């Protein structure tokens, strides 16, 4: 396979960097706490992995639809984002850590592979909601991984702050 065009290479590099940052952050979560609610809203680390995996798959599907010249019909369904996120969280909560991480990895790999072979000329094409393919790639990929990396880091900062404020923190 030939090297992707420059614009696609930049998107791929940004996606890989954002995912690496996310995976490093999620890797800092104590394995005993991976299923504990509260990491992001009511979600545990397991549900968050399922969530970013789902949206990586969503972006891969958008890229596939663009390949088929069907992007303009992409996004026409009856689930809202919140409803879709609730279903994804419920499915992830019922799976074990190995399963949700394997699903996320597979979705990410499909996303990156489709992006690598994307025609840069399709990046400006719009879906049924009016979003460009490049916006979908960013929303569901780079921006999404980075948003949730910040959520994880904030959770750790809150935990560190709570520990520092506790009476036990003053004991030498």
C-alpha atoms as a PDB file:
ATOM      1  CA  UNK A   1       0.000   0.000   0.000  1.00  0.00           C
ATOM      2  CA  UNK A   2       1.303   3.454  -0.916  1.00  0.00           C
ATOM      3  CA  UNK A   3       1.867   6.105   1.699  1.00  0.00           C
ATOM      4  CA  UNK A   4      -1.265   8.155   2.339  1.00  0.00           C
ATOM      5  CA  UNK A   5      -1.421  11.738   1.065  1.00  0.00           C
ATOM      6  CA  UNK A   6      -0.066  14.432   3.394  1.00  0.00           C
ATOM      7  CA  UNK A   7      -3.467  15.591   4.743  1.00  0.00           C
ATOM      8  CA  UNK A   8      -4.439  12.017   5.573  1.00  0.00           C
ATOM      9  CA  UNK A   9      -1.013  11.350   7.141  1.00  0.00           C
ATOM     10  CA  UNK A  10      -1.501  14.370   9.445  1.00  0.00           C
ATOM     11  CA  UNK A  11      -4.956  13.080  10.488  1.00  0.00           C
ATOM     12  CA  UNK A  12      -3.557   9.601  11.114  1.00  0.00           C
ATOM     13  CA  UNK A  13      -0.670  10.941  13.185  1.00  0.00           C
ATOM     14  CA  UNK A  14      -3.012  13.117  15.255  1.00  0.00           C
ATOM     15  CA  UNK A  15      -5.364  10.167  15.776  1.00  0.00           C
ATOM     16  CA  UNK A  16      -2.553   7.848  16.875  1.00  0.00           C
ATOM     17  CA  UNK A  17      -1.142  10.455  19.276  1.00  0.00           C
ATOM     18  CA  UNK A  18      -4.556  11.176  20.816  1.00  0.00           C
ATOM     19  CA  UNK A  19      -5.285   7.483  21.270  1.00  0.00           C
ATOM     20  CA  UNK A  20      -1.855   6.849  22.776  1.00  0.00           C
ATOM     21  CA  UNK A  21      -2.475   9.645  25.305  1.00  0.00           C
ATOM     22  CA  UNK A  22      -5.887   8.201  26.125  1.00  0.00           C
ATOM     23  CA  UNK A  23      -4.569   4.668  26.520  1.00  0.00           C
ATOM     24  CA  UNK A  24      -1.774   5.908  28.798  1.00  0.00           C
ATOM     25  CA  UNK A  25      -4.323   7.740  30.956  1.00  0.00           C
ATOM     26  CA  UNK A  26      -6.729   4.793  31.126  1.00  0.00           C
ATOM     27  CA  UNK A  27      -3.775   2.537  31.881  1.00  0.00           C
ATOM     28  CA  UNK A  28      -3.193   4.527  35.062  1.00  0.00           C
ATOM     29  CA  UNK A  29      -6.569   3.445  36.429  1.00  0.00           C
ATOM     30  CA  UNK A  30      -6.097   0.813  39.120  1.00  0.00           C
ATOM     31  CA  UNK A  31      -7.287  -2.519  37.676  1.00  0.00           C
ATOM     32  CA  UNK A  32      -9.420  -3.034  40.788  1.00  0.00           C
ATOM     33  CA  UNK A  33     -11.314   0.172  39.938  1.00  0.00           C
ATOM     34  CA  UNK A  34     -11.893  -0.382  36.214  1.00  0.00           C
ATOM     35  CA  UNK A  35     -15.542  -1.334  36.760  1.00  0.00           C
ATOM     36  CA  UNK A  36     -16.224   1.286  39.436  1.00  0.00           C
ATOM     37  CA  UNK A  37     -18.674   4.011  38.366  1.00  0.00           C
ATOM     38  CA  UNK A  38     -17.637   7.636  38.572  1.00  0.00           C
ATOM     39  CA  UNK A  39     -14.666   8.004  36.237  1.00  0.00           C
ATOM     40  CA  UNK A  40     -16.695  10.062  33.771  1.00  0.00           C
ATOM     41  CA  UNK A  41     -20.146  10.826  35.101  1.00  0.00           C
ATOM     42  CA  UNK A  42     -21.601   7.445  36.039  1.00  0.00           C
ATOM     43  CA  UNK A  43     -19.278   5.558  33.701  1.00  0.00           C
ATOM     44  CA  UNK A  44     -16.445   3.339  34.798  1.00  0.00           C
ATOM     45  CA  UNK A  45     -13.193   2.910  32.870  1.00  0.00           C
ATOM     46  CA  UNK A  46     -14.723  -0.161  31.207  1.00  0.00           C
ATOM     47  CA  UNK A  47     -17.699   1.848  29.932  1.00  0.00           C
ATOM     48  CA  UNK A  48     -15.425   4.672  28.797  1.00  0.00           C
ATOM     49  CA  UNK A  49     -13.311   2.234  26.760  1.00  0.00           C
ATOM     50  CA  UNK A  50     -16.510   0.887  25.199  1.00  0.00           C
ATOM     51  CA  UNK A  51     -17.625   4.439  24.461  1.00  0.00           C
ATOM     52  CA  UNK A  52     -14.483   5.579  22.625  1.00  0.00           C
ATOM     53  CA  UNK A  53     -14.374   2.254  20.809  1.00  0.00           C
ATOM     54  CA  UNK A  54     -17.938   2.690  19.618  1.00  0.00           C
ATOM     55  CA  UNK A  55     -17.226   6.189  18.284  1.00  0.00           C
ATOM     56  CA  UNK A  56     -14.056   4.996  16.534  1.00  0.00           C
ATOM     57  CA  UNK A  57     -16.236   2.416  14.826  1.00  0.00           C
ATOM     58  CA  UNK A  58     -18.715   5.163  13.976  1.00  0.00           C
ATOM     59  CA  UNK A  59     -15.955   7.131  12.235  1.00  0.00           C
ATOM     60  CA  UNK A  60     -14.826   3.985  10.402  1.00  0.00           C
ATOM     61  CA  UNK A  61     -18.404   3.535   9.195  1.00  0.00           C
ATOM     62  CA  UNK A  62     -18.505   7.163   7.997  1.00  0.00           C
ATOM     63  CA  UNK A  63     -15.292   6.589   6.050  1.00  0.00           C
ATOM     64  CA  UNK A  64     -16.769   3.401   4.582  1.00  0.00           C
ATOM     65  CA  UNK A  65     -19.928   5.252   3.565  1.00  0.00           C
ATOM     66  CA  UNK A  66     -17.770   7.935   1.924  1.00  0.00           C
ATOM     67  CA  UNK A  67     -15.947   5.203  -0.018  1.00  0.00           C
ATOM     68  CA  UNK A  68     -19.351   3.976  -1.215  1.00  0.00           C
ATOM     69  CA  UNK A  69     -20.430   7.543  -2.097  1.00  0.00           C
ATOM     70  CA  UNK A  70     -23.200   7.239   0.525  1.00  0.00           C
ATOM     71  CA  UNK A  71     -21.981   9.707   3.155  1.00  0.00           C
ATOM     72  CA  UNK A  72     -24.973  11.959   2.543  1.00  0.00           C
ATOM     73  CA  UNK A  73     -27.224   9.226   4.012  1.00  0.00           C
ATOM     74  CA  UNK A  74     -24.944   8.584   7.012  1.00  0.00           C
ATOM     75  CA  UNK A  75     -26.427   9.718  10.315  1.00  0.00           C
ATOM     76  CA  UNK A  76     -30.047   9.087   9.419  1.00  0.00           C
ATOM     77  CA  UNK A  77     -31.385   7.000  12.290  1.00  0.00           C
ATOM     78  CA  UNK A  78     -33.705   7.298  15.220  1.00  0.00           C
ATOM     79  CA  UNK A  79     -31.232   7.205  18.129  1.00  0.00           C
ATOM     80  CA  UNK A  80     -29.956  10.400  19.705  1.00  0.00           C
ATOM     81  CA  UNK A  81     -26.328  10.608  20.777  1.00  0.00           C
ATOM     82  CA  UNK A  82     -27.389  10.232  24.419  1.00  0.00           C
ATOM     83  CA  UNK A  83     -29.526   7.171  23.638  1.00  0.00           C
ATOM     84  CA  UNK A  84     -26.693   5.621  21.645  1.00  0.00           C
ATOM     85  CA  UNK A  85     -24.197   6.353  24.450  1.00  0.00           C
ATOM     86  CA  UNK A  86     -26.539   4.721  26.978  1.00  0.00           C
ATOM     87  CA  UNK A  87     -26.778   1.544  24.894  1.00  0.00           C
ATOM     88  CA  UNK A  88     -23.000   1.444  24.415  1.00  0.00           C
ATOM     89  CA  UNK A  89     -22.421   1.932  28.160  1.00  0.00           C
ATOM     90  CA  UNK A  90     -24.886  -0.823  29.008  1.00  0.00           C
ATOM     91  CA  UNK A  91     -23.196  -3.262  26.618  1.00  0.00           C
ATOM     92  CA  UNK A  92     -19.728  -2.360  27.937  1.00  0.00           C
ATOM     93  CA  UNK A  93     -20.860  -2.740  31.558  1.00  0.00           C
ATOM     94  CA  UNK A  94     -21.906  -6.317  30.782  1.00  0.00           C
ATOM     95  CA  UNK A  95     -18.532  -7.214  29.245  1.00  0.00           C
ATOM     96  CA  UNK A  96     -15.202  -7.884  30.895  1.00  0.00           C
ATOM     97  CA  UNK A  97     -12.130  -5.651  30.555  1.00  0.00           C
ATOM     98  CA  UNK A  98     -10.428  -7.857  27.968  1.00  0.00           C
ATOM     99  CA  UNK A  99     -13.517  -7.818  25.757  1.00  0.00           C
ATOM    100  CA  UNK A 100     -14.068  -4.045  25.831  1.00  0.00           C
ATOM    101  CA  UNK A 101     -10.400  -3.321  25.224  1.00  0.00           C
ATOM    102  CA  UNK A 102     -10.276  -5.792  22.318  1.00  0.00           C
ATOM    103  CA  UNK A 103     -13.392  -4.197  20.818  1.00  0.00           C
ATOM    104  CA  UNK A 104     -11.889  -0.716  21.153  1.00  0.00           C
ATOM    105  CA  UNK A 105      -8.627  -1.848  19.592  1.00  0.00           C
ATOM    106  CA  UNK A 106     -10.444  -3.463  16.680  1.00  0.00           C
ATOM    107  CA  UNK A 107     -12.580  -0.371  16.127  1.00  0.00           C
ATOM    108  CA  UNK A 108      -9.530   1.900  16.284  1.00  0.00           C
ATOM    109  CA  UNK A 109      -7.607  -0.303  13.842  1.00  0.00           C
ATOM    110  CA  UNK A 110     -10.551  -0.333  11.404  1.00  0.00           C
ATOM    111  CA  UNK A 111     -10.832   3.451  11.731  1.00  0.00           C
ATOM    112  CA  UNK A 112      -7.113   4.008  11.106  1.00  0.00           C
ATOM    113  CA  UNK A 113      -7.043   1.566   8.172  1.00  0.00           C
ATOM    114  CA  UNK A 114     -10.013   3.221   6.481  1.00  0.00           C
ATOM    115  CA  UNK A 115      -8.576   6.666   7.132  1.00  0.00           C
ATOM    116  CA  UNK A 116      -5.211   5.610   5.660  1.00  0.00           C
ATOM    117  CA  UNK A 117      -6.863   4.773   2.365  1.00  0.00           C
ATOM    118  CA  UNK A 118      -9.321   7.683   2.338  1.00  0.00           C
ATOM    119  CA  UNK A 119      -9.380   9.994  -0.629  1.00  0.00           C
ATOM    120  CA  UNK A 120      -8.549  13.498   0.649  1.00  0.00           C
ATOM    121  CA  UNK A 121     -11.086  14.857  -1.840  1.00  0.00           C
ATOM    122  CA  UNK A 122     -13.876  13.229   0.227  1.00  0.00           C
ATOM    123  CA  UNK A 123     -12.950  15.039   3.471  1.00  0.00           C
ATOM    124  CA  UNK A 124     -15.241  17.945   2.607  1.00  0.00           C
ATOM    125  CA  UNK A 125     -18.230  15.707   1.797  1.00  0.00           C
ATOM    126  CA  UNK A 126     -21.151  16.050   4.214  1.00  0.00           C
ATOM    127  CA  UNK A 127     -23.283  13.516   6.046  1.00  0.00           C
ATOM    128  CA  UNK A 128     -27.047  13.734   6.619  1.00  0.00           C
ATOM    129  CA  UNK A 129     -26.488  16.072   9.594  1.00  0.00           C
ATOM    130  CA  UNK A 130     -24.322  18.436   7.557  1.00  0.00           C
ATOM    131  CA  UNK A 131     -21.001  17.439   9.147  1.00  0.00           C
ATOM    132  CA  UNK A 132     -18.020  17.029   6.839  1.00  0.00           C
ATOM    133  CA  UNK A 133     -16.162  13.746   6.784  1.00  0.00           C
ATOM    134  CA  UNK A 134     -13.138  15.534   8.239  1.00  0.00           C
ATOM    135  CA  UNK A 135     -15.286  16.865  11.107  1.00  0.00           C
ATOM    136  CA  UNK A 136     -16.579  13.356  11.817  1.00  0.00           C
ATOM    137  CA  UNK A 137     -13.023  12.002  11.834  1.00  0.00           C
ATOM    138  CA  UNK A 138     -12.026  14.732  14.314  1.00  0.00           C
ATOM    139  CA  UNK A 139     -15.155  14.556  16.531  1.00  0.00           C
ATOM    140  CA  UNK A 140     -15.170  10.765  16.785  1.00  0.00           C
ATOM    141  CA  UNK A 141     -11.395  10.349  16.840  1.00  0.00           C
ATOM    142  CA  UNK A 142      -8.814  12.899  17.926  1.00  0.00           C
ATOM    143  CA  UNK A 143     -11.188  15.244  19.758  1.00  0.00           C
ATOM    144  CA  UNK A 144     -13.011  12.383  21.455  1.00  0.00           C
ATOM    145  CA  UNK A 145      -9.900  10.620  22.698  1.00  0.00           C
ATOM    146  CA  UNK A 146      -8.479  13.937  23.940  1.00  0.00           C
ATOM    147  CA  UNK A 147     -11.736  14.960  25.642  1.00  0.00           C
ATOM    148  CA  UNK A 148     -11.829  11.734  27.619  1.00  0.00           C
ATOM    149  CA  UNK A 149      -8.101  11.845  28.379  1.00  0.00           C
ATOM    150  CA  UNK A 150      -8.778  15.190  30.058  1.00  0.00           C
ATOM    151  CA  UNK A 151     -11.722  13.621  31.923  1.00  0.00           C
ATOM    152  CA  UNK A 152      -9.488  10.842  33.250  1.00  0.00           C
ATOM    153  CA  UNK A 153      -6.750  13.272  34.278  1.00  0.00           C
ATOM    154  CA  UNK A 154      -9.352  15.478  36.008  1.00  0.00           C
ATOM    155  CA  UNK A 155     -10.629  12.440  37.899  1.00  0.00           C
ATOM    156  CA  UNK A 156      -7.092  11.715  39.111  1.00  0.00           C
ATOM    157  CA  UNK A 157      -6.611  15.370  40.087  1.00  0.00           C
ATOM    158  CA  UNK A 158      -9.878  15.325  42.048  1.00  0.00           C
ATOM    159  CA  UNK A 159      -8.808  12.125  43.805  1.00  0.00           C
ATOM    160  CA  UNK A 160      -5.404  13.639  44.632  1.00  0.00           C
ATOM    161  CA  UNK A 161      -7.075  16.797  45.883  1.00  0.00           C
ATOM    162  CA  UNK A 162      -9.517  14.798  48.052  1.00  0.00           C
ATOM    163  CA  UNK A 163      -6.657  12.840  49.583  1.00  0.00           C
ATOM    164  CA  UNK A 164      -4.739  16.041  50.356  1.00  0.00           C
ATOM    165  CA  UNK A 165      -7.821  17.535  52.038  1.00  0.00           C
ATOM    166  CA  UNK A 166      -8.494  14.510  54.219  1.00  0.00           C
ATOM    167  CA  UNK A 167      -7.533  14.560  57.929  1.00  0.00           C
ATOM    168  CA  UNK A 168      -5.312  11.528  57.335  1.00  0.00           C
ATOM    169  CA  UNK A 169      -3.199  13.609  54.916  1.00  0.00           C
ATOM    170  CA  UNK A 170      -2.013  15.746  57.854  1.00  0.00           C
ATOM    171  CA  UNK A 171      -0.640  12.775  59.793  1.00  0.00           C
ATOM    172  CA  UNK A 172       3.105  12.167  59.425  1.00  0.00           C
END
